[in-house]
Amino acid sequence: MNKKELVSLIGRHTWLREPVINNVIDAFFTEETFALYRGEKVNLGSFGSFKPQKRAARIGRNPHTGDAVPIPARIMPVFKAGSSLRKTVSQKEI
């Protein structure tokens, strides 16, 4: 599902028009991004949570040449699925 499909689906379940839904989604992602930038955890109830996590510097390999490439330390956003999301997705047969 992409953003356009999500906006359309939310529009079917609410009285909101698509431009309003689009603005709400944009505002949500902007605020979530800034919260992670500030080092805060973003908890979305039983859906899951995002938190910033430090990744240590390491040495990687260039797949074409095999040369060692230094990868600097950085902070990455990490998502942990909540209990409701895990339960719902795990019921789906593969």
N, C-alpha and C. Protein backbone atom coordinates (compact mmCIF):
# COMPACT_ATOMS: atom_id res chain seq x y z
N MET A 1 0.84 -1.17 0.00
CA MET A 1 0.00 0.00 0.00
C MET A 1 0.88 1.24 0.00
N ASN A 2 0.55 2.18 -0.83
CA ASN A 2 1.29 3.44 -0.84
C ASN A 2 0.43 4.53 -0.19
N LYS A 3 0.97 5.75 -0.14
CA LYS A 3 0.28 6.84 0.55
C LYS A 3 -1.06 7.17 -0.11
N LYS A 4 -1.09 7.19 -1.42
CA LYS A 4 -2.33 7.51 -2.14
C LYS A 4 -3.43 6.50 -1.82
N GLU A 5 -3.07 5.23 -1.78
CA GLU A 5 -4.04 4.18 -1.44
C GLU A 5 -4.52 4.32 0.01
N LEU A 6 -3.58 4.65 0.91
CA LEU A 6 -3.94 4.85 2.31
C LEU A 6 -4.92 6.01 2.47
N VAL A 7 -4.65 7.11 1.80
CA VAL A 7 -5.54 8.27 1.86
C VAL A 7 -6.93 7.89 1.36
N SER A 8 -6.99 7.15 0.28
CA SER A 8 -8.28 6.73 -0.28
C SER A 8 -9.04 5.83 0.69
N LEU A 9 -8.35 4.89 1.31
CA LEU A 9 -9.00 3.98 2.26
C LEU A 9 -9.50 4.72 3.50
N ILE A 10 -8.73 5.65 4.01
CA ILE A 10 -9.18 6.43 5.16
C ILE A 10 -10.39 7.27 4.77
N GLY A 11 -10.39 7.80 3.56
CA GLY A 11 -11.53 8.58 3.08
C GLY A 11 -12.82 7.77 3.04
N ARG A 12 -12.72 6.50 2.75
CA ARG A 12 -13.91 5.63 2.72
C ARG A 12 -14.49 5.42 4.12
N HIS A 13 -13.64 5.45 5.13
CA HIS A 13 -14.08 5.16 6.50
C HIS A 13 -14.37 6.40 7.33
N THR A 14 -14.12 7.57 6.79
CA THR A 14 -14.36 8.81 7.54
C THR A 14 -15.11 9.79 6.67
N TRP A 15 -15.50 10.89 7.26
CA TRP A 15 -16.17 11.96 6.52
C TRP A 15 -15.17 12.96 5.96
N LEU A 16 -13.88 12.72 6.16
CA LEU A 16 -12.85 13.67 5.72
C LEU A 16 -12.58 13.55 4.22
N ARG A 17 -12.25 14.68 3.62
CA ARG A 17 -11.89 14.69 2.21
C ARG A 17 -10.40 14.37 2.06
N GLU A 18 -10.03 13.91 0.88
CA GLU A 18 -8.65 13.45 0.65
C GLU A 18 -7.59 14.52 0.91
N PRO A 19 -7.78 15.80 0.52
CA PRO A 19 -6.74 16.79 0.84
C PRO A 19 -6.52 16.95 2.34
N VAL A 20 -7.58 16.85 3.12
CA VAL A 20 -7.46 16.97 4.58
C VAL A 20 -6.70 15.76 5.14
N ILE A 21 -7.05 14.59 4.67
CA ILE A 21 -6.38 13.36 5.12
C ILE A 21 -4.90 13.42 4.75
N ASN A 22 -4.60 13.89 3.56
CA ASN A 22 -3.22 14.01 3.10
C ASN A 22 -2.43 14.95 4.03
N ASN A 23 -3.05 16.08 4.42
CA ASN A 23 -2.39 17.02 5.33
C ASN A 23 -2.16 16.40 6.71
N VAL A 24 -3.13 15.63 7.19
CA VAL A 24 -2.99 14.97 8.49
C VAL A 24 -1.85 13.96 8.46
N ILE A 25 -1.78 13.18 7.41
CA ILE A 25 -0.71 12.18 7.30
C ILE A 25 0.65 12.88 7.21
N ASP A 26 0.74 13.94 6.42
CA ASP A 26 2.00 14.69 6.32
C ASP A 26 2.41 15.26 7.67
N ALA A 27 1.44 15.82 8.41
CA ALA A 27 1.73 16.39 9.73
C ALA A 27 2.18 15.30 10.70
N PHE A 28 1.54 14.14 10.64
CA PHE A 28 1.92 13.03 11.51
C PHE A 28 3.37 12.63 11.27
N PHE A 29 3.74 12.43 10.00
CA PHE A 29 5.10 12.00 9.71
C PHE A 29 6.13 13.08 10.05
N THR A 30 5.77 14.34 9.86
CA THR A 30 6.67 15.43 10.22
C THR A 30 6.93 15.45 11.72
N GLU A 31 5.86 15.36 12.50
CA GLU A 31 6.00 15.39 13.97
C GLU A 31 6.72 14.15 14.48
N GLU A 32 6.45 13.00 13.89
CA GLU A 32 7.12 11.77 14.29
C GLU A 32 8.62 11.87 13.99
N THR A 33 8.96 12.40 12.84
CA THR A 33 10.35 12.56 12.45
C THR A 33 11.09 13.48 13.41
N PHE A 34 10.48 14.62 13.75
CA PHE A 34 11.12 15.56 14.68
C PHE A 34 11.24 14.97 16.09
N ALA A 35 10.27 14.18 16.52
CA ALA A 35 10.36 13.54 17.83
C ALA A 35 11.54 12.57 17.86
N LEU A 36 11.71 11.79 16.81
CA LEU A 36 12.85 10.87 16.74
C LEU A 36 14.16 11.64 16.68
N TYR A 37 14.17 12.75 15.95
CA TYR A 37 15.36 13.61 15.86
C TYR A 37 15.75 14.12 17.25
N ARG A 38 14.75 14.44 18.07
CA ARG A 38 15.01 14.92 19.44
C ARG A 38 15.38 13.79 20.39
N GLY A 39 15.37 12.55 19.91
CA GLY A 39 15.74 11.41 20.75
C GLY A 39 14.58 10.81 21.51
N GLU A 40 13.36 11.18 21.15
CA GLU A 40 12.18 10.68 21.85
C GLU A 40 11.67 9.40 21.22
N LYS A 41 11.00 8.59 22.04
CA LYS A 41 10.34 7.39 21.56
C LYS A 41 8.92 7.77 21.15
N VAL A 42 8.44 7.23 20.03
CA VAL A 42 7.09 7.49 19.55
C VAL A 42 6.29 6.20 19.72
N ASN A 43 5.32 6.22 20.64
CA ASN A 43 4.52 5.04 20.94
C ASN A 43 3.14 5.19 20.32
N LEU A 44 2.76 4.23 19.49
CA LEU A 44 1.46 4.26 18.81
C LEU A 44 0.55 3.16 19.33
N GLY A 45 0.49 3.03 20.64
CA GLY A 45 -0.40 2.06 21.27
C GLY A 45 -0.05 0.63 20.89
N SER A 46 -1.08 -0.16 20.64
CA SER A 46 -0.85 -1.58 20.34
C SER A 46 -0.34 -1.79 18.92
N PHE A 47 -0.27 -0.71 18.10
CA PHE A 47 0.28 -0.84 16.76
C PHE A 47 1.79 -1.05 16.81
N GLY A 48 2.48 -0.25 17.63
CA GLY A 48 3.93 -0.39 17.74
C GLY A 48 4.58 0.92 18.16
N SER A 49 5.89 0.92 18.15
CA SER A 49 6.62 2.12 18.56
C SER A 49 7.88 2.28 17.72
N PHE A 50 8.29 3.54 17.61
CA PHE A 50 9.54 3.89 16.94
C PHE A 50 10.46 4.49 17.99
N LYS A 51 11.75 4.20 17.87
CA LYS A 51 12.71 4.85 18.75
C LYS A 51 14.03 5.01 18.02
N PRO A 52 14.78 6.05 18.38
CA PRO A 52 16.10 6.21 17.77
C PRO A 52 17.08 5.26 18.45
N GLN A 53 17.92 4.62 17.66
CA GLN A 53 18.88 3.66 18.21
C GLN A 53 20.25 3.91 17.60
N LYS A 54 21.27 3.91 18.46
CA LYS A 54 22.64 4.14 17.99
C LYS A 54 23.18 2.90 17.30
N ARG A 55 23.83 3.11 16.19
CA ARG A 55 24.55 2.03 15.49
C ARG A 55 26.03 2.37 15.54
N ALA A 56 26.82 1.44 15.96
CA ALA A 56 28.26 1.66 16.09
C ALA A 56 28.92 1.73 14.71
N ALA A 57 30.06 2.38 14.66
CA ALA A 57 30.85 2.41 13.43
C ALA A 57 31.35 1.00 13.14
N ARG A 58 31.50 0.69 11.88
CA ARG A 58 31.97 -0.65 11.51
C ARG A 58 32.64 -0.60 10.15
N ILE A 59 33.22 -1.70 9.79
CA ILE A 59 33.86 -1.83 8.48
C ILE A 59 32.98 -2.72 7.61
N GLY A 60 32.61 -2.18 6.44
CA GLY A 60 31.84 -2.94 5.48
C GLY A 60 32.71 -3.33 4.30
N ARG A 61 32.12 -3.97 3.33
CA ARG A 61 32.86 -4.39 2.14
C ARG A 61 32.15 -3.90 0.89
N ASN A 62 32.92 -3.40 -0.06
CA ASN A 62 32.38 -3.03 -1.36
C ASN A 62 32.09 -4.34 -2.09
N PRO A 63 30.84 -4.60 -2.49
CA PRO A 63 30.51 -5.88 -3.11
C PRO A 63 31.17 -6.10 -4.47
N HIS A 64 31.54 -5.02 -5.14
CA HIS A 64 32.15 -5.16 -6.46
C HIS A 64 33.65 -5.44 -6.37
N THR A 65 34.33 -4.74 -5.45
CA THR A 65 35.79 -4.87 -5.38
C THR A 65 36.28 -5.66 -4.17
N GLY A 66 35.44 -5.79 -3.15
CA GLY A 66 35.85 -6.48 -1.94
C GLY A 66 36.66 -5.61 -1.00
N ASP A 67 36.87 -4.33 -1.37
CA ASP A 67 37.64 -3.42 -0.53
C ASP A 67 36.88 -3.09 0.76
N ALA A 68 37.63 -2.88 1.82
CA ALA A 68 37.04 -2.47 3.10
C ALA A 68 36.57 -1.02 2.99
N VAL A 69 35.38 -0.76 3.50
CA VAL A 69 34.79 0.58 3.47
C VAL A 69 34.34 0.93 4.89
N PRO A 70 34.84 2.04 5.44
CA PRO A 70 34.40 2.41 6.79
C PRO A 70 32.96 2.93 6.75
N ILE A 71 32.14 2.43 7.66
CA ILE A 71 30.76 2.90 7.81
C ILE A 71 30.69 3.64 9.13
N PRO A 72 30.39 4.94 9.11
CA PRO A 72 30.41 5.72 10.35
C PRO A 72 29.26 5.36 11.30
N ALA A 73 29.44 5.69 12.57
CA ALA A 73 28.37 5.51 13.56
C ALA A 73 27.22 6.45 13.20
N ARG A 74 26.01 6.02 13.50
CA ARG A 74 24.86 6.87 13.23
C ARG A 74 23.67 6.43 14.08
N ILE A 75 22.65 7.25 14.06
CA ILE A 75 21.43 6.94 14.79
C ILE A 75 20.36 6.60 13.77
N MET A 76 19.72 5.46 13.96
CA MET A 76 18.71 4.98 13.02
C MET A 76 17.37 4.84 13.73
N PRO A 77 16.26 5.11 13.03
CA PRO A 77 14.95 4.84 13.63
C PRO A 77 14.66 3.34 13.56
N VAL A 78 14.16 2.80 14.66
CA VAL A 78 13.86 1.37 14.74
C VAL A 78 12.39 1.21 15.10
N PHE A 79 11.67 0.33 14.41
CA PHE A 79 10.26 0.07 14.69
C PHE A 79 10.12 -1.26 15.39
N LYS A 80 9.31 -1.27 16.45
CA LYS A 80 8.98 -2.52 17.14
C LYS A 80 7.47 -2.67 17.09
N ALA A 81 7.00 -3.74 16.47
CA ALA A 81 5.57 -3.97 16.33
C ALA A 81 4.93 -4.22 17.69
N GLY A 82 3.73 -3.70 17.88
CA GLY A 82 2.97 -3.91 19.11
C GLY A 82 2.27 -5.26 19.09
N SER A 83 1.70 -5.60 20.23
CA SER A 83 1.09 -6.92 20.38
C SER A 83 -0.08 -7.13 19.43
N SER A 84 -0.91 -6.13 19.25
CA SER A 84 -2.08 -6.26 18.37
C SER A 84 -1.64 -6.47 16.92
N LEU A 85 -0.66 -5.71 16.47
CA LEU A 85 -0.15 -5.84 15.10
C LEU A 85 0.49 -7.21 14.90
N ARG A 86 1.33 -7.63 15.84
CA ARG A 86 1.97 -8.95 15.72
C ARG A 86 0.94 -10.07 15.66
N LYS A 87 -0.07 -9.98 16.53
CA LYS A 87 -1.09 -11.03 16.57
C LYS A 87 -1.89 -11.09 15.26
N THR A 88 -2.27 -9.93 14.75
CA THR A 88 -3.06 -9.89 13.51
C THR A 88 -2.27 -10.41 12.32
N VAL A 89 -1.02 -9.98 12.20
CA VAL A 89 -0.20 -10.40 11.06
C VAL A 89 0.16 -11.87 11.14
N SER A 90 0.39 -12.37 12.36
CA SER A 90 0.80 -13.78 12.50
C SER A 90 -0.34 -14.74 12.20
N GLN A 91 -1.59 -14.28 12.18
CA GLN A 91 -2.72 -15.14 11.86
C GLN A 91 -2.82 -15.40 10.36
N LYS A 92 -2.15 -14.59 9.57
CA LYS A 92 -2.19 -14.75 8.11
C LYS A 92 -1.33 -15.94 7.72
N GLU A 93 -1.92 -16.85 6.95
CA GLU A 93 -1.15 -18.01 6.47
C GLU A 93 -0.33 -17.63 5.26
N ILE A 94 0.85 -18.15 5.20
CA ILE A 94 1.76 -17.85 4.08
C ILE A 94 1.56 -18.88 2.99
